[in-house]
N, C-alpha and C. Protein backbone atom coordinates (compact mmCIF):
# COMPACT_ATOMS: atom_id res chain seq x y z
N MET A 1 -25.30 -98.01 71.56
CA MET A 1 -24.48 -99.58 71.38
C MET A 1 -25.08 -100.23 70.61
N GLU A 2 -23.85 -101.05 70.00
CA GLU A 2 -23.50 -102.19 69.25
C GLU A 2 -23.97 -103.62 70.64
N LYS A 3 -25.36 -104.08 69.58
CA LYS A 3 -25.69 -105.52 70.45
C LYS A 3 -24.47 -106.39 70.51
N ARG A 4 -24.17 -107.46 71.52
CA ARG A 4 -22.83 -108.24 71.26
C ARG A 4 -23.88 -109.55 71.22
N GLY A 5 -23.72 -110.20 70.75
CA GLY A 5 -24.06 -112.04 70.65
C GLY A 5 -22.85 -112.89 71.65
N PHE A 6 -23.52 -114.24 72.21
CA PHE A 6 -22.22 -114.81 72.91
C PHE A 6 -22.73 -115.89 72.37
N PHE A 7 -21.56 -116.78 71.80
CA PHE A 7 -21.25 -118.21 71.18
C PHE A 7 -20.47 -119.38 71.97
N ILE A 8 -21.39 -120.17 71.75
CA ILE A 8 -21.56 -121.12 72.70
C ILE A 8 -20.94 -122.23 71.79
N CYS A 9 -20.04 -123.25 72.15
CA CYS A 9 -20.03 -124.63 71.28
C CYS A 9 -20.09 -125.63 72.43
N VAL A 10 -20.59 -126.81 71.44
CA VAL A 10 -21.00 -128.05 72.78
C VAL A 10 -20.05 -129.42 71.78
N GLU A 11 -19.47 -129.66 72.86
CA GLU A 11 -18.48 -130.56 71.88
C GLU A 11 -18.25 -131.82 72.90
N GLY A 12 -18.00 -133.13 71.84
CA GLY A 12 -17.80 -134.31 72.58
C GLY A 12 -17.98 -135.44 71.08
N LEU A 13 -17.45 -136.75 72.49
CA LEU A 13 -17.68 -137.68 71.56
C LEU A 13 -18.85 -138.42 70.49
N ASP A 14 -18.80 -138.94 69.49
CA ASP A 14 -20.02 -138.80 69.19
C ASP A 14 -20.94 -140.23 69.90
N GLY A 15 -22.10 -139.70 70.09
CA GLY A 15 -23.11 -140.28 71.00
C GLY A 15 -23.42 -139.98 72.61
N CYS A 16 -22.65 -138.98 72.51
CA CYS A 16 -22.46 -138.29 74.13
C CYS A 16 -23.42 -137.44 74.27
N GLY A 17 -24.59 -137.19 73.54
CA GLY A 17 -25.73 -136.37 74.09
C GLY A 17 -25.09 -134.62 74.05
N LYS A 18 -24.61 -134.64 73.09
CA LYS A 18 -24.55 -133.56 72.72
C LYS A 18 -25.35 -132.43 71.91
N THR A 19 -26.11 -133.12 70.93
CA THR A 19 -27.32 -132.98 70.02
C THR A 19 -28.61 -132.62 71.18
N THR A 20 -28.52 -133.22 72.06
CA THR A 20 -29.88 -133.31 72.57
C THR A 20 -29.26 -131.95 74.15
N GLN A 21 -28.45 -132.42 74.15
CA GLN A 21 -27.62 -131.15 75.35
C GLN A 21 -27.87 -129.74 75.26
N ALA A 22 -27.32 -129.50 73.41
CA ALA A 22 -27.11 -128.71 73.20
C ALA A 22 -28.76 -127.80 72.64
N LYS A 23 -29.68 -128.51 72.27
CA LYS A 23 -31.19 -128.12 71.80
C LYS A 23 -31.56 -127.96 73.66
N ILE A 24 -31.81 -128.98 73.90
CA ILE A 24 -32.05 -128.04 75.83
C ILE A 24 -31.48 -126.89 76.66
N LEU A 25 -30.13 -126.65 75.93
CA LEU A 25 -29.49 -125.50 76.33
C LEU A 25 -30.30 -123.96 75.91
N VAL A 26 -30.82 -124.00 74.15
CA VAL A 26 -31.62 -123.40 73.69
C VAL A 26 -32.61 -123.16 74.35
N ARG A 27 -33.57 -124.24 74.60
CA ARG A 27 -34.85 -124.34 74.98
C ARG A 27 -34.94 -123.36 76.64
N LYS A 28 -33.93 -123.78 77.19
CA LYS A 28 -33.85 -122.97 78.26
C LYS A 28 -33.29 -121.83 78.34
N LEU A 29 -32.53 -121.11 77.72
CA LEU A 29 -32.11 -120.24 77.64
C LEU A 29 -33.39 -119.28 77.33
N ARG A 30 -34.10 -119.87 76.33
CA ARG A 30 -35.57 -118.91 75.28
C ARG A 30 -36.51 -118.62 76.90
N LYS A 31 -36.48 -119.60 77.53
CA LYS A 31 -37.22 -119.56 78.90
C LYS A 31 -36.88 -118.73 79.81
N ILE A 32 -36.05 -118.35 79.72
CA ILE A 32 -35.32 -116.94 80.87
C ILE A 32 -35.10 -115.70 80.07
N GLY A 33 -35.66 -115.80 78.77
CA GLY A 33 -35.07 -114.35 78.21
C GLY A 33 -34.46 -113.81 77.34
N TYR A 34 -33.51 -114.73 76.94
CA TYR A 34 -32.30 -115.17 75.90
C TYR A 34 -32.45 -115.27 74.44
N ASP A 35 -32.58 -114.64 73.22
CA ASP A 35 -32.53 -114.99 72.07
C ASP A 35 -31.41 -116.00 71.92
N ALA A 36 -31.96 -117.27 71.81
CA ALA A 36 -30.84 -118.11 71.96
C ALA A 36 -31.20 -119.32 70.33
N VAL A 37 -30.34 -119.58 69.85
CA VAL A 37 -30.32 -120.05 68.39
C VAL A 37 -29.41 -121.19 68.30
N TYR A 38 -29.98 -122.28 67.84
CA TYR A 38 -29.67 -123.86 67.42
C TYR A 38 -28.54 -123.81 66.21
N THR A 39 -27.49 -124.21 66.38
CA THR A 39 -27.04 -124.38 64.63
C THR A 39 -26.03 -125.85 65.11
N ALA A 40 -25.39 -126.68 63.86
CA ALA A 40 -24.51 -127.28 64.27
C ALA A 40 -23.77 -127.82 62.92
N GLU A 41 -23.03 -128.30 63.22
CA GLU A 41 -21.42 -128.53 62.18
C GLU A 41 -21.57 -130.53 62.46
N PRO A 42 -21.69 -130.82 60.57
CA PRO A 42 -21.45 -129.96 59.40
C PRO A 42 -23.09 -129.46 59.65
N SER A 43 -22.68 -128.26 58.81
CA SER A 43 -23.52 -127.17 58.50
C SER A 43 -24.65 -127.83 57.40
N ARG A 44 -25.78 -126.84 57.61
CA ARG A 44 -27.18 -127.45 56.41
C ARG A 44 -26.64 -126.62 55.02
N GLY A 45 -25.05 -126.39 54.63
CA GLY A 45 -24.85 -125.59 53.59
C GLY A 45 -24.33 -126.86 52.87
N LYS A 46 -24.35 -126.69 51.37
CA LYS A 46 -23.76 -127.67 50.70
C LYS A 46 -22.47 -128.47 50.83
N ILE A 47 -21.84 -127.74 51.20
CA ILE A 47 -20.28 -128.77 51.63
C ILE A 47 -20.67 -129.53 52.93
N GLY A 48 -21.55 -128.59 54.03
CA GLY A 48 -21.84 -130.05 54.84
C GLY A 48 -22.39 -131.18 54.88
N ARG A 49 -23.64 -130.56 53.59
CA ARG A 49 -24.20 -132.68 53.06
C ARG A 49 -23.44 -133.01 52.36
N PHE A 50 -22.53 -132.27 51.72
CA PHE A 50 -21.12 -133.57 50.71
C PHE A 50 -20.44 -134.44 51.96
N ILE A 51 -19.96 -133.27 53.08
CA ILE A 51 -19.62 -134.00 53.61
C ILE A 51 -20.55 -134.83 55.10
N LYS A 52 -21.67 -135.11 55.10
CA LYS A 52 -22.27 -136.15 55.93
C LYS A 52 -22.33 -137.30 54.41
N ARG A 53 -22.74 -136.80 53.64
CA ARG A 53 -22.77 -137.71 52.56
C ARG A 53 -21.53 -138.90 52.02
N TYR A 54 -20.10 -138.21 52.06
CA TYR A 54 -19.15 -138.85 51.56
C TYR A 54 -18.26 -139.00 52.31
N CYS A 55 -18.36 -138.20 53.31
CA CYS A 55 -17.05 -138.58 54.40
C CYS A 55 -17.47 -139.32 55.76
N LEU A 56 -18.47 -138.90 56.30
CA LEU A 56 -19.30 -139.54 57.19
C LEU A 56 -19.33 -140.88 57.32
N HIS A 57 -20.88 -140.82 55.74
CA HIS A 57 -21.35 -142.49 55.75
C HIS A 57 -21.18 -142.60 54.46
N GLY A 58 -19.75 -142.62 54.25
CA GLY A 58 -19.00 -143.37 52.72
C GLY A 58 -18.32 -144.40 53.38
N GLY A 59 -18.25 -145.34 52.23
CA GLY A 59 -17.68 -146.74 52.81
C GLY A 59 -16.73 -147.05 53.34
N LYS A 60 -15.53 -145.67 53.26
CA LYS A 60 -14.54 -145.70 54.40
C LYS A 60 -14.13 -144.59 54.76
N ARG A 61 -13.34 -144.10 55.18
CA ARG A 61 -12.52 -142.85 55.47
C ARG A 61 -12.05 -142.18 54.53
N VAL A 62 -12.48 -141.00 54.67
CA VAL A 62 -11.19 -140.32 53.39
C VAL A 62 -10.25 -139.89 54.28
N PRO A 63 -8.90 -139.62 53.44
CA PRO A 63 -7.87 -138.96 54.17
C PRO A 63 -7.85 -137.91 54.59
N SER A 64 -7.01 -137.82 56.34
CA SER A 64 -7.30 -137.08 57.33
C SER A 64 -7.25 -135.43 56.80
N ILE A 65 -6.36 -135.14 55.61
CA ILE A 65 -6.01 -133.70 55.57
C ILE A 65 -7.69 -133.90 54.21
N VAL A 66 -7.64 -134.27 53.87
CA VAL A 66 -9.13 -133.83 52.70
C VAL A 66 -10.60 -133.79 53.76
N GLU A 67 -10.11 -134.85 55.09
CA GLU A 67 -11.41 -134.25 55.91
C GLU A 67 -11.29 -133.04 56.65
N ALA A 68 -10.41 -132.60 56.68
CA ALA A 68 -9.74 -131.28 57.72
C ALA A 68 -9.79 -129.95 56.84
N LEU A 69 -10.00 -130.33 55.74
CA LEU A 69 -9.71 -129.19 54.63
C LEU A 69 -11.17 -128.91 54.19
N LEU A 70 -12.24 -130.07 54.21
CA LEU A 70 -13.51 -129.70 53.85
C LEU A 70 -14.22 -129.24 54.78
N PHE A 71 -13.69 -129.65 56.57
CA PHE A 71 -14.71 -129.39 57.67
C PHE A 71 -14.15 -127.44 57.63
N ALA A 72 -12.88 -127.37 57.34
CA ALA A 72 -12.59 -126.66 57.12
C ALA A 72 -13.36 -124.90 56.41
N ALA A 73 -13.37 -125.41 54.88
CA ALA A 73 -14.72 -125.23 54.26
C ALA A 73 -15.86 -124.77 54.56
N ASP A 74 -16.58 -126.13 55.03
CA ASP A 74 -17.61 -125.86 55.49
C ASP A 74 -17.93 -124.51 56.68
N ARG A 75 -17.23 -125.14 58.07
CA ARG A 75 -16.99 -124.25 58.99
C ARG A 75 -17.06 -122.45 57.94
N TYR A 76 -16.09 -122.15 57.47
CA TYR A 76 -16.13 -120.78 56.84
C TYR A 76 -17.38 -120.74 56.45
N GLU A 77 -17.89 -121.15 55.91
CA GLU A 77 -19.31 -121.10 54.96
C GLU A 77 -20.39 -120.61 57.07
N HIS A 78 -20.05 -121.60 57.26
CA HIS A 78 -20.81 -121.83 58.65
C HIS A 78 -20.87 -120.60 59.01
N VAL A 79 -19.77 -120.09 59.75
CA VAL A 79 -19.70 -118.61 60.29
C VAL A 79 -20.06 -117.17 59.82
N GLU A 80 -19.65 -117.40 58.40
CA GLU A 80 -20.14 -116.19 57.41
C GLU A 80 -21.72 -116.74 57.59
N THR A 81 -22.20 -116.99 57.15
CA THR A 81 -23.58 -116.88 56.90
C THR A 81 -24.59 -117.16 57.93
N GLU A 82 -24.27 -118.23 59.19
CA GLU A 82 -25.11 -118.10 60.44
C GLU A 82 -24.32 -117.33 61.20
N ILE A 83 -23.42 -117.86 61.98
CA ILE A 83 -22.96 -117.34 63.26
C ILE A 83 -22.66 -115.87 63.14
N ILE A 84 -22.15 -115.75 62.72
CA ILE A 84 -21.59 -113.86 62.51
C ILE A 84 -23.23 -113.37 62.47
N PRO A 85 -24.29 -113.12 61.31
CA PRO A 85 -25.15 -112.81 61.36
C PRO A 85 -25.60 -112.55 62.56
N ALA A 86 -25.74 -113.64 63.02
CA ALA A 86 -26.59 -114.35 64.81
C ALA A 86 -26.11 -113.22 65.90
N LEU A 87 -24.60 -113.25 66.14
CA LEU A 87 -23.93 -112.61 66.66
C LEU A 87 -24.33 -111.46 66.43
N LYS A 88 -24.11 -110.73 65.34
CA LYS A 88 -24.29 -109.09 65.11
C LYS A 88 -25.50 -109.29 65.77
N ASP A 89 -26.80 -109.71 65.51
CA ASP A 89 -28.24 -109.76 66.38
C ASP A 89 -28.09 -109.60 67.54
N GLY A 90 -27.27 -110.10 68.00
CA GLY A 90 -27.46 -110.44 69.47
C GLY A 90 -27.22 -111.46 70.52
N LYS A 91 -27.74 -112.49 69.24
CA LYS A 91 -28.54 -113.92 69.82
C LYS A 91 -27.49 -114.40 70.50
N VAL A 92 -27.96 -115.58 71.55
CA VAL A 92 -26.86 -116.79 71.87
C VAL A 92 -27.05 -117.67 70.83
N VAL A 93 -25.36 -117.66 70.48
CA VAL A 93 -25.45 -118.74 69.47
C VAL A 93 -24.97 -120.12 70.03
N VAL A 94 -25.70 -121.56 70.14
CA VAL A 94 -24.86 -122.52 70.85
C VAL A 94 -24.54 -123.68 69.69
N SER A 95 -23.60 -123.77 69.23
CA SER A 95 -23.43 -124.64 67.97
C SER A 95 -23.22 -126.26 68.39
N ASP A 96 -23.74 -127.05 67.92
CA ASP A 96 -23.63 -128.45 68.09
C ASP A 96 -22.25 -128.91 67.32
N ARG A 97 -20.93 -128.84 68.12
CA ARG A 97 -19.53 -129.28 67.57
C ARG A 97 -19.33 -128.31 66.58
N TYR A 98 -18.16 -127.86 66.80
CA TYR A 98 -17.09 -126.94 66.08
C TYR A 98 -16.02 -127.13 65.76
N MET A 99 -14.95 -126.20 66.12
CA MET A 99 -13.64 -125.88 65.52
C MET A 99 -12.49 -127.04 66.20
N TYR A 100 -13.48 -127.51 67.85
CA TYR A 100 -12.78 -128.72 68.29
C TYR A 100 -13.13 -130.24 67.68
N SER A 101 -13.92 -129.57 67.20
CA SER A 101 -14.16 -131.50 66.55
C SER A 101 -13.28 -131.76 65.46
N SER A 102 -12.83 -130.64 64.95
CA SER A 102 -11.71 -131.06 64.03
C SER A 102 -10.50 -131.18 64.51
N LEU A 103 -10.13 -130.02 65.56
CA LEU A 103 -9.21 -130.48 66.08
C LEU A 103 -8.80 -131.80 66.76
N ALA A 104 -10.02 -132.21 67.32
CA ALA A 104 -9.83 -133.62 68.15
C ALA A 104 -9.67 -135.08 67.49
N TYR A 105 -10.86 -135.12 66.47
CA TYR A 105 -11.20 -136.09 64.92
C TYR A 105 -9.75 -136.30 64.23
N GLN A 106 -9.56 -135.14 63.54
CA GLN A 106 -8.44 -134.98 62.37
C GLN A 106 -7.10 -135.04 63.39
N GLY A 107 -6.61 -134.36 64.78
CA GLY A 107 -5.50 -134.15 65.29
C GLY A 107 -5.02 -135.92 65.72
N ALA A 108 -6.52 -136.70 66.45
CA ALA A 108 -6.57 -137.71 66.77
C ALA A 108 -5.86 -138.63 65.29
N SER A 109 -6.22 -138.78 64.26
CA SER A 109 -5.51 -139.68 63.29
C SER A 109 -4.24 -138.86 62.90
N GLY A 110 -3.60 -138.36 63.93
CA GLY A 110 -2.09 -138.03 63.11
C GLY A 110 -2.18 -136.49 62.62
N LEU A 111 -3.32 -135.81 62.27
CA LEU A 111 -2.85 -134.50 61.64
C LEU A 111 -1.68 -133.48 62.63
N ASN A 112 -1.54 -132.59 62.51
CA ASN A 112 -0.55 -131.39 63.18
C ASN A 112 -1.79 -130.44 63.73
N LEU A 113 -1.72 -130.30 64.95
CA LEU A 113 -2.53 -129.43 65.73
C LEU A 113 -2.87 -128.06 65.08
N ASP A 114 -1.22 -127.95 65.17
CA ASP A 114 -0.98 -126.63 64.59
C ASP A 114 -1.59 -126.39 63.24
N TRP A 115 -1.56 -127.02 62.35
CA TRP A 115 -1.76 -126.45 61.06
C TRP A 115 -2.81 -126.74 60.98
N ILE A 116 -4.13 -127.78 61.87
CA ILE A 116 -5.77 -127.30 61.53
C ILE A 116 -6.15 -126.10 62.24
N ARG A 117 -5.86 -125.56 63.54
CA ARG A 117 -5.33 -124.29 63.80
C ARG A 117 -5.38 -123.09 62.72
N MET A 118 -4.50 -124.00 61.43
CA MET A 118 -4.14 -122.56 60.69
C MET A 118 -5.19 -122.17 59.59
N ILE A 119 -5.62 -123.60 59.34
CA ILE A 119 -6.67 -123.64 57.73
C ILE A 119 -8.08 -123.09 58.59
N ASN A 120 -7.76 -123.10 59.95
CA ASN A 120 -9.23 -122.90 60.48
C ASN A 120 -9.11 -120.97 61.19
N GLU A 121 -8.03 -120.49 60.84
CA GLU A 121 -8.24 -119.20 61.57
C GLU A 121 -9.17 -118.08 61.49
N HIS A 122 -10.15 -118.45 60.05
CA HIS A 122 -11.24 -117.32 59.84
C HIS A 122 -12.40 -118.43 61.52
N ALA A 123 -12.13 -118.82 61.70
CA ALA A 123 -13.26 -119.46 62.80
C ALA A 123 -13.32 -118.45 63.66
N VAL A 124 -14.30 -118.08 64.35
CA VAL A 124 -14.44 -116.54 65.54
C VAL A 124 -14.90 -117.98 66.40
N PRO A 125 -13.69 -117.29 67.70
CA PRO A 125 -13.03 -118.07 68.55
C PRO A 125 -14.62 -117.98 69.69
N PRO A 126 -15.49 -119.35 70.02
CA PRO A 126 -16.36 -119.12 70.78
C PRO A 126 -16.26 -118.54 72.39
N ASN A 127 -16.40 -118.73 73.43
CA ASN A 127 -17.21 -117.76 74.36
C ASN A 127 -17.15 -118.64 75.22
N LEU A 128 -17.68 -119.56 74.82
CA LEU A 128 -17.46 -120.58 75.74
C LEU A 128 -17.36 -122.15 75.01
N ALA A 129 -16.67 -123.01 75.47
CA ALA A 129 -16.75 -124.48 74.50
C ALA A 129 -16.68 -125.41 75.63
N ILE A 130 -17.76 -125.91 75.62
CA ILE A 130 -17.89 -127.47 76.38
C ILE A 130 -17.68 -128.78 75.56
N PHE A 131 -17.14 -129.28 77.09
CA PHE A 131 -16.96 -131.14 76.44
C PHE A 131 -17.77 -131.86 77.42
N ILE A 132 -18.38 -132.22 76.71
CA ILE A 132 -19.65 -133.27 77.47
C ILE A 132 -18.54 -134.53 77.07
N ASP A 133 -17.84 -134.81 78.34
CA ASP A 133 -17.18 -136.07 78.42
C ASP A 133 -18.09 -137.49 79.29
N VAL A 134 -18.37 -138.49 78.03
CA VAL A 134 -18.57 -139.59 78.46
C VAL A 134 -17.41 -140.91 78.17
N ASP A 135 -17.41 -141.85 78.78
CA ASP A 135 -16.77 -143.10 78.70
C ASP A 135 -17.08 -143.53 76.90
N PRO A 136 -15.59 -143.78 76.11
CA PRO A 136 -16.01 -144.02 75.06
C PRO A 136 -16.79 -145.28 74.50
N ASN A 137 -16.22 -146.34 76.22
CA ASN A 137 -17.36 -147.57 76.03
C ASN A 137 -18.58 -147.43 76.15
N THR A 138 -18.98 -146.34 76.73
CA THR A 138 -20.09 -145.79 76.91
C THR A 138 -21.12 -145.47 75.67
N VAL A 139 -20.26 -145.03 74.94
CA VAL A 139 -20.85 -144.15 73.56
C VAL A 139 -20.99 -144.84 72.53
N ILE A 140 -20.20 -146.04 72.18
CA ILE A 140 -19.99 -147.19 71.50
C ILE A 140 -21.24 -147.89 71.27
N LYS A 141 -21.84 -147.78 72.83
CA LYS A 141 -22.90 -148.74 72.85
C LYS A 141 -24.33 -148.21 72.79
N ARG A 142 -24.14 -146.82 72.88
CA ARG A 142 -25.14 -146.25 72.57
C ARG A 142 -25.64 -145.68 71.27
N LEU A 143 -24.67 -145.85 70.13
CA LEU A 143 -24.65 -146.09 69.16
C LEU A 143 -25.23 -146.40 67.95
N LYS A 144 -25.97 -146.08 66.90
CA LYS A 144 -27.28 -147.06 66.41
C LYS A 144 -25.92 -147.97 65.31
N PRO A 145 -26.68 -149.20 64.86
CA PRO A 145 -25.63 -150.08 64.33
C PRO A 145 -25.40 -149.08 62.49
N LYS A 146 -26.15 -148.64 62.41
CA LYS A 146 -25.77 -147.90 61.06
C LYS A 146 -24.39 -146.73 61.33
N LYS A 147 -23.55 -147.09 62.20
CA LYS A 147 -22.47 -146.17 62.05
C LYS A 147 -21.52 -145.60 61.16
N SER A 148 -21.46 -144.11 61.85
CA SER A 148 -20.62 -143.05 60.64
C SER A 148 -18.89 -144.00 60.27
N VAL A 149 -18.47 -143.07 59.58
CA VAL A 149 -17.04 -144.24 59.87
C VAL A 149 -16.27 -143.67 60.97
N MET A 150 -16.58 -142.84 61.92
CA MET A 150 -15.79 -142.47 63.04
C MET A 150 -16.08 -143.37 64.39
N GLU A 151 -17.07 -143.88 63.57
CA GLU A 151 -17.70 -144.70 65.28
C GLU A 151 -17.49 -145.90 65.31
N ASN A 152 -16.38 -145.77 65.70
CA ASN A 152 -15.37 -147.06 66.75
C ASN A 152 -14.90 -146.84 67.90
N LEU A 153 -14.49 -148.01 68.63
CA LEU A 153 -14.08 -148.19 69.90
C LEU A 153 -12.27 -146.81 69.53
N GLU A 154 -11.70 -147.29 69.00
CA GLU A 154 -10.56 -147.05 69.16
C GLU A 154 -10.13 -145.18 68.72
N THR A 155 -11.13 -145.03 67.11
CA THR A 155 -10.71 -143.82 67.32
C THR A 155 -11.38 -142.98 68.20
N GLN A 156 -12.43 -143.00 68.86
CA GLN A 156 -13.05 -142.27 70.44
C GLN A 156 -12.02 -142.29 71.26
N ARG A 157 -11.54 -142.95 71.61
CA ARG A 157 -10.63 -143.39 72.91
C ARG A 157 -9.54 -141.98 72.40
N LYS A 158 -8.88 -142.34 71.13
CA LYS A 158 -8.14 -141.26 70.53
C LYS A 158 -8.37 -139.95 70.48
N VAL A 159 -9.58 -139.78 70.29
CA VAL A 159 -10.32 -138.56 70.37
C VAL A 159 -10.52 -137.78 71.51
N ARG A 160 -11.04 -138.34 72.53
CA ARG A 160 -11.00 -138.32 73.80
C ARG A 160 -10.08 -137.92 74.49
N GLU A 161 -9.04 -138.26 74.11
CA GLU A 161 -7.90 -137.90 74.92
C GLU A 161 -7.30 -136.57 74.35
N VAL A 162 -7.58 -136.02 73.01
CA VAL A 162 -7.01 -135.00 72.73
C VAL A 162 -7.83 -133.79 73.36
N TYR A 163 -9.12 -134.34 73.14
CA TYR A 163 -10.05 -133.59 74.13
C TYR A 163 -10.03 -132.79 75.56
N LEU A 164 -9.40 -134.10 76.05
CA LEU A 164 -8.47 -134.07 77.56
C LEU A 164 -8.00 -132.83 77.69
N LYS A 165 -6.91 -133.06 76.62
CA LYS A 165 -5.70 -132.43 76.55
C LYS A 165 -6.14 -130.65 76.61
N PHE A 166 -7.29 -130.02 75.84
CA PHE A 166 -8.14 -128.47 75.66
C PHE A 166 -8.85 -128.63 76.93
N VAL A 167 -9.23 -129.53 78.01
CA VAL A 167 -9.58 -129.00 79.29
C VAL A 167 -8.53 -129.03 80.02
N GLU A 168 -7.44 -129.54 79.81
CA GLU A 168 -5.93 -129.24 80.92
C GLU A 168 -5.48 -127.50 80.29
N ASN A 169 -5.71 -127.48 79.18
CA ASN A 169 -5.21 -125.68 78.95
C ASN A 169 -5.66 -124.87 78.84
N GLY A 170 -7.27 -124.95 79.29
CA GLY A 170 -8.17 -123.93 80.02
C GLY A 170 -9.31 -123.72 78.83
N GLU A 171 -8.81 -124.58 77.27
CA GLU A 171 -9.85 -124.18 76.27
C GLU A 171 -11.29 -124.46 75.95
N LEU A 172 -11.78 -125.40 77.21
CA LEU A 172 -13.07 -126.49 76.84
C LEU A 172 -13.24 -126.70 78.41
N VAL A 173 -14.85 -126.51 78.92
CA VAL A 173 -15.14 -126.54 80.24
C VAL A 173 -15.13 -127.78 80.07
N ARG A 174 -15.31 -129.31 81.04
CA ARG A 174 -15.65 -130.24 81.00
C ARG A 174 -17.18 -130.84 81.55
N VAL A 175 -17.54 -131.25 81.35
CA VAL A 175 -19.01 -131.39 81.97
C VAL A 175 -18.96 -133.31 81.88
N ASN A 176 -19.00 -133.70 83.19
CA ASN A 176 -19.88 -135.05 83.12
C ASN A 176 -20.64 -135.71 82.43
N GLY A 177 -20.75 -136.67 81.58
CA GLY A 177 -21.57 -136.67 80.38
C GLY A 177 -22.39 -138.09 80.71
N ASN A 178 -21.85 -138.42 81.77
CA ASN A 178 -22.03 -140.25 82.36
C ASN A 178 -22.64 -139.99 83.09
N LYS A 179 -23.69 -138.86 83.82
CA LYS A 179 -24.69 -139.04 84.68
C LYS A 179 -26.01 -139.00 83.76
N PRO A 180 -27.21 -138.72 84.57
CA PRO A 180 -28.56 -138.71 84.15
C PRO A 180 -28.63 -137.53 83.11
N LYS A 181 -29.29 -137.79 81.95
CA LYS A 181 -29.70 -136.27 81.18
C LYS A 181 -29.77 -135.28 81.71
N SER A 182 -30.70 -135.56 82.73
CA SER A 182 -31.43 -133.63 83.24
C SER A 182 -30.25 -133.10 84.01
N GLU A 183 -28.85 -134.17 85.18
CA GLU A 183 -28.11 -133.89 85.69
C GLU A 183 -27.10 -133.04 84.58
N VAL A 184 -27.03 -133.81 83.17
CA VAL A 184 -25.69 -133.12 82.67
C VAL A 184 -26.75 -131.51 82.09
N ALA A 185 -28.04 -131.95 82.19
CA ALA A 185 -28.43 -130.11 81.73
C ALA A 185 -28.09 -129.51 82.58
N LYS A 186 -28.76 -129.38 83.55
CA LYS A 186 -28.48 -129.09 84.75
C LYS A 186 -27.00 -127.85 84.86
N GLU A 187 -26.14 -129.01 85.18
CA GLU A 187 -24.84 -128.88 84.99
C GLU A 187 -24.64 -127.68 84.00
N ILE A 188 -24.64 -127.93 82.68
CA ILE A 188 -24.13 -127.02 81.33
C ILE A 188 -25.01 -125.92 82.20
N PHE A 189 -25.90 -126.02 82.18
CA PHE A 189 -27.10 -124.47 82.46
C PHE A 189 -26.26 -123.47 83.56
N SER A 190 -25.66 -124.47 84.20
CA SER A 190 -25.06 -123.69 85.51
C SER A 190 -23.64 -123.18 84.61
N VAL A 191 -23.04 -123.55 84.51
CA VAL A 191 -21.73 -123.32 83.56
C VAL A 191 -22.04 -121.83 82.73
N VAL A 192 -23.27 -122.27 81.67
CA VAL A 192 -23.09 -121.11 80.68
C VAL A 192 -23.76 -119.95 81.35
N LEU A 193 -24.90 -119.96 82.78
CA LEU A 193 -25.10 -118.82 83.35
C LEU A 193 -23.85 -117.60 83.93
N ASP A 194 -23.17 -118.52 84.41
CA ASP A 194 -21.84 -118.02 85.18
C ASP A 194 -20.64 -117.47 84.25
N CYS A 195 -21.25 -117.96 82.94
CA CYS A 195 -20.50 -117.14 81.82
C CYS A 195 -20.83 -115.99 81.42
N LEU A 196 -22.35 -116.59 81.18
CA LEU A 196 -23.15 -114.88 80.71
C LEU A 196 -23.01 -113.77 81.27
N LYS A 197 -23.64 -113.96 82.88
CA LYS A 197 -23.25 -113.06 83.77
C LYS A 197 -21.89 -112.59 83.86
N GLY A 198 -21.03 -113.32 83.75
CA GLY A 198 -19.76 -112.66 84.06
C GLY A 198 -19.39 -111.91 82.50
N CYS A 199 -20.11 -111.98 81.59
CA CYS A 199 -19.92 -110.69 80.37
C CYS A 199 -20.86 -109.68 80.90
């Protein structure tokens, strides 16, 4: 019988604790015997590195269409070179950001969500998508002085609104990220285990 992997993405505002929680989740899953791997977007590939340097940490934000196309191109490479091979090996893949980041961030800047979905048609749908919900005022306080072009209160508020629409339609599972780190981790682990058992 062919091995079947399981794909989880962890989403949220900048500074919500995504990276920390995704890594904690991978460690917890490994402890109980799952072959879990951590990955992230932007990826470590050439396009991902370009995005980090010129889009996220450039002087000003590039046009949102350019942003969306670059993220979609990076996602294609990420899916083909990392996600699909790991899933074929039966691994649990935990991605720190995925397609919903494009929908939320570029959608919040005014791009049509259907168009963003269309340019991301190649993206493997996750088995589980988690949204760590943290108050935008809190994340702005948490962020380091050297912020990316997305890390301002107005952007984060608009992005959260888009994410919450996906929670409402059942695409994302909301986890309250305003609680202590250990409690957030516990809730995420519980949601993931329920989903893994269901599969």
